[in-house]
């Protein structure tokens, strides 16, 4: 039984995993580039969405100063976007290298 499983695993083609890596890499490059280069005001929209969520949370908890005290700078999102874009490119490269071999 073990021999059958080992033979089937050795001859299988991991196409699904390579497609998953490529899709995740492309999504990371897209979202990372949007934040890193602030395409169409992505950072401003994200900051506005975060502020609205903090205001709503502050209303629920009774702490109305919550949205004023917790803020992230646009530079933080640009840094995270750059890291995501580079990581996505690495995933795309990895899936391409594994597909060729």
C-alpha atoms as a PDB file:
ATOM      1  CA  UNK A   1       0.000   0.000   0.000  1.00  0.00           C
ATOM      2  CA  UNK A   2       2.800   2.382   0.836  1.00  0.00           C
ATOM      3  CA  UNK A   3       4.479   1.627  -2.453  1.00  0.00           C
ATOM      4  CA  UNK A   4       1.371   2.577  -4.445  1.00  0.00           C
ATOM      5  CA  UNK A   5       1.037   5.897  -2.611  1.00  0.00           C
ATOM      6  CA  UNK A   6       4.715   6.709  -3.108  1.00  0.00           C
ATOM      7  CA  UNK A   7       4.561   5.921  -6.810  1.00  0.00           C
ATOM      8  CA  UNK A   8       1.424   8.010  -7.317  1.00  0.00           C
ATOM      9  CA  UNK A   9       2.945  10.950  -5.442  1.00  0.00           C
ATOM     10  CA  UNK A  10       6.173  10.796  -7.420  1.00  0.00           C
ATOM     11  CA  UNK A  11       4.416  10.849 -10.784  1.00  0.00           C
ATOM     12  CA  UNK A  12       1.857  13.551  -9.960  1.00  0.00           C
ATOM     13  CA  UNK A  13       1.981  17.016 -11.481  1.00  0.00           C
ATOM     14  CA  UNK A  14       1.362  19.868  -8.979  1.00  0.00           C
ATOM     15  CA  UNK A  15      -0.443  22.091 -11.477  1.00  0.00           C
ATOM     16  CA  UNK A  16      -3.081  23.231  -8.987  1.00  0.00           C
ATOM     17  CA  UNK A  17      -0.474  24.408  -6.498  1.00  0.00           C
ATOM     18  CA  UNK A  18       1.416  26.302  -9.201  1.00  0.00           C
ATOM     19  CA  UNK A  19      -1.769  28.014 -10.342  1.00  0.00           C
ATOM     20  CA  UNK A  20      -2.588  28.916  -6.728  1.00  0.00           C
ATOM     21  CA  UNK A  21       0.908  30.394  -6.231  1.00  0.00           C
ATOM     22  CA  UNK A  22       0.594  32.393  -9.447  1.00  0.00           C
ATOM     23  CA  UNK A  23      -2.850  33.747  -8.532  1.00  0.00           C
ATOM     24  CA  UNK A  24      -1.756  34.705  -5.011  1.00  0.00           C
ATOM     25  CA  UNK A  25       1.370  36.342  -6.419  1.00  0.00           C
ATOM     26  CA  UNK A  26      -0.606  38.330  -8.986  1.00  0.00           C
ATOM     27  CA  UNK A  27      -3.081  39.487  -6.322  1.00  0.00           C
ATOM     28  CA  UNK A  28      -0.236  40.553  -4.019  1.00  0.00           C
ATOM     29  CA  UNK A  29       1.466  42.480  -6.826  1.00  0.00           C
ATOM     30  CA  UNK A  30      -1.815  44.231  -7.707  1.00  0.00           C
ATOM     31  CA  UNK A  31      -2.749  45.234  -4.159  1.00  0.00           C
ATOM     32  CA  UNK A  32       0.839  46.059  -3.224  1.00  0.00           C
ATOM     33  CA  UNK A  33       1.303  48.283  -6.268  1.00  0.00           C
ATOM     34  CA  UNK A  34      -1.980  50.074  -5.513  1.00  0.00           C
ATOM     35  CA  UNK A  35      -0.763  50.932  -2.023  1.00  0.00           C
ATOM     36  CA  UNK A  36       2.905  51.516  -2.870  1.00  0.00           C
ATOM     37  CA  UNK A  37       2.194  53.960  -5.706  1.00  0.00           C
ATOM     38  CA  UNK A  38      -1.154  55.240  -4.327  1.00  0.00           C
ATOM     39  CA  UNK A  39      -3.025  54.423  -7.517  1.00  0.00           C
ATOM     40  CA  UNK A  40      -6.449  56.127  -7.645  1.00  0.00           C
ATOM     41  CA  UNK A  41      -6.132  57.236  -4.041  1.00  0.00           C
ATOM     42  CA  UNK A  42      -5.975  53.719  -2.614  1.00  0.00           C
ATOM     43  CA  UNK A  43      -4.118  54.801   0.525  1.00  0.00           C
ATOM     44  CA  UNK A  44      -6.511  57.669   1.203  1.00  0.00           C
ATOM     45  CA  UNK A  45      -9.507  55.383   0.712  1.00  0.00           C
ATOM     46  CA  UNK A  46      -8.022  52.784   3.047  1.00  0.00           C
ATOM     47  CA  UNK A  47      -7.302  55.411   5.703  1.00  0.00           C
ATOM     48  CA  UNK A  48     -10.852  56.804   5.384  1.00  0.00           C
ATOM     49  CA  UNK A  49     -12.317  53.304   5.688  1.00  0.00           C
ATOM     50  CA  UNK A  50     -10.164  52.605   8.755  1.00  0.00           C
ATOM     51  CA  UNK A  51     -11.151  55.910  10.372  1.00  0.00           C
ATOM     52  CA  UNK A  52     -14.858  55.195   9.785  1.00  0.00           C
ATOM     53  CA  UNK A  53     -14.471  51.747  11.348  1.00  0.00           C
ATOM     54  CA  UNK A  54     -12.702  53.250  14.368  1.00  0.00           C
ATOM     55  CA  UNK A  55     -15.435  55.874  14.761  1.00  0.00           C
ATOM     56  CA  UNK A  56     -18.084  53.166  14.668  1.00  0.00           C
ATOM     57  CA  UNK A  57     -16.149  51.091  17.190  1.00  0.00           C
ATOM     58  CA  UNK A  58     -15.797  54.175  19.381  1.00  0.00           C
ATOM     59  CA  UNK A  59     -19.551  54.767  19.273  1.00  0.00           C
ATOM     60  CA  UNK A  60     -20.231  51.167  20.254  1.00  0.00           C
ATOM     61  CA  UNK A  61     -17.783  51.180  23.149  1.00  0.00           C
ATOM     62  CA  UNK A  62     -18.500  54.732  24.302  1.00  0.00           C
ATOM     63  CA  UNK A  63     -14.934  55.931  23.685  1.00  0.00           C
ATOM     64  CA  UNK A  64     -15.508  58.759  21.196  1.00  0.00           C
ATOM     65  CA  UNK A  65     -11.834  59.727  21.090  1.00  0.00           C
ATOM     66  CA  UNK A  66     -10.781  56.345  19.700  1.00  0.00           C
ATOM     67  CA  UNK A  67     -10.590  57.520  16.081  1.00  0.00           C
ATOM     68  CA  UNK A  68      -8.405  60.483  17.017  1.00  0.00           C
ATOM     69  CA  UNK A  69      -5.829  58.520  18.989  1.00  0.00           C
ATOM     70  CA  UNK A  70      -5.237  55.536  16.691  1.00  0.00           C
ATOM     71  CA  UNK A  71      -3.956  56.579  13.294  1.00  0.00           C
ATOM     72  CA  UNK A  72      -1.515  55.195  10.775  1.00  0.00           C
ATOM     73  CA  UNK A  73       0.416  57.353   8.363  1.00  0.00           C
ATOM     74  CA  UNK A  74       0.172  56.969   4.584  1.00  0.00           C
ATOM     75  CA  UNK A  75       3.864  56.044   4.604  1.00  0.00           C
ATOM     76  CA  UNK A  76       3.043  52.886   6.559  1.00  0.00           C
ATOM     77  CA  UNK A  77       0.656  51.714   3.838  1.00  0.00           C
ATOM     78  CA  UNK A  78       3.169  52.570   1.125  1.00  0.00           C
ATOM     79  CA  UNK A  79       5.837  50.548   2.927  1.00  0.00           C
ATOM     80  CA  UNK A  80       3.508  47.564   3.375  1.00  0.00           C
ATOM     81  CA  UNK A  81       2.448  47.874  -0.275  1.00  0.00           C
ATOM     82  CA  UNK A  82       6.053  47.737  -1.408  1.00  0.00           C
ATOM     83  CA  UNK A  83       6.720  44.650   0.683  1.00  0.00           C
ATOM     84  CA  UNK A  84       3.565  42.981  -0.671  1.00  0.00           C
ATOM     85  CA  UNK A  85       4.488  43.773  -4.271  1.00  0.00           C
ATOM     86  CA  UNK A  86       7.992  42.344  -3.881  1.00  0.00           C
ATOM     87  CA  UNK A  87       6.591  39.246  -2.145  1.00  0.00           C
ATOM     88  CA  UNK A  88       4.060  38.797  -4.947  1.00  0.00           C
ATOM     89  CA  UNK A  89       6.801  39.017  -7.546  1.00  0.00           C
ATOM     90  CA  UNK A  90       8.714  36.362  -5.612  1.00  0.00           C
ATOM     91  CA  UNK A  91       5.649  34.081  -5.638  1.00  0.00           C
ATOM     92  CA  UNK A  92       5.171  34.599  -9.366  1.00  0.00           C
ATOM     93  CA  UNK A  93       8.843  33.849  -9.989  1.00  0.00           C
ATOM     94  CA  UNK A  94       8.696  30.743  -7.817  1.00  0.00           C
ATOM     95  CA  UNK A  95       5.638  29.404  -9.641  1.00  0.00           C
ATOM     96  CA  UNK A  96       7.302  30.070 -12.994  1.00  0.00           C
ATOM     97  CA  UNK A  97      10.512  28.307 -11.966  1.00  0.00           C
ATOM     98  CA  UNK A  98       8.597  25.298 -10.653  1.00  0.00           C
ATOM     99  CA  UNK A  99       6.453  25.141 -13.809  1.00  0.00           C
ATOM    100  CA  UNK A 100       9.520  25.081 -16.055  1.00  0.00           C
ATOM    101  CA  UNK A 101      11.230  22.283 -14.115  1.00  0.00           C
END
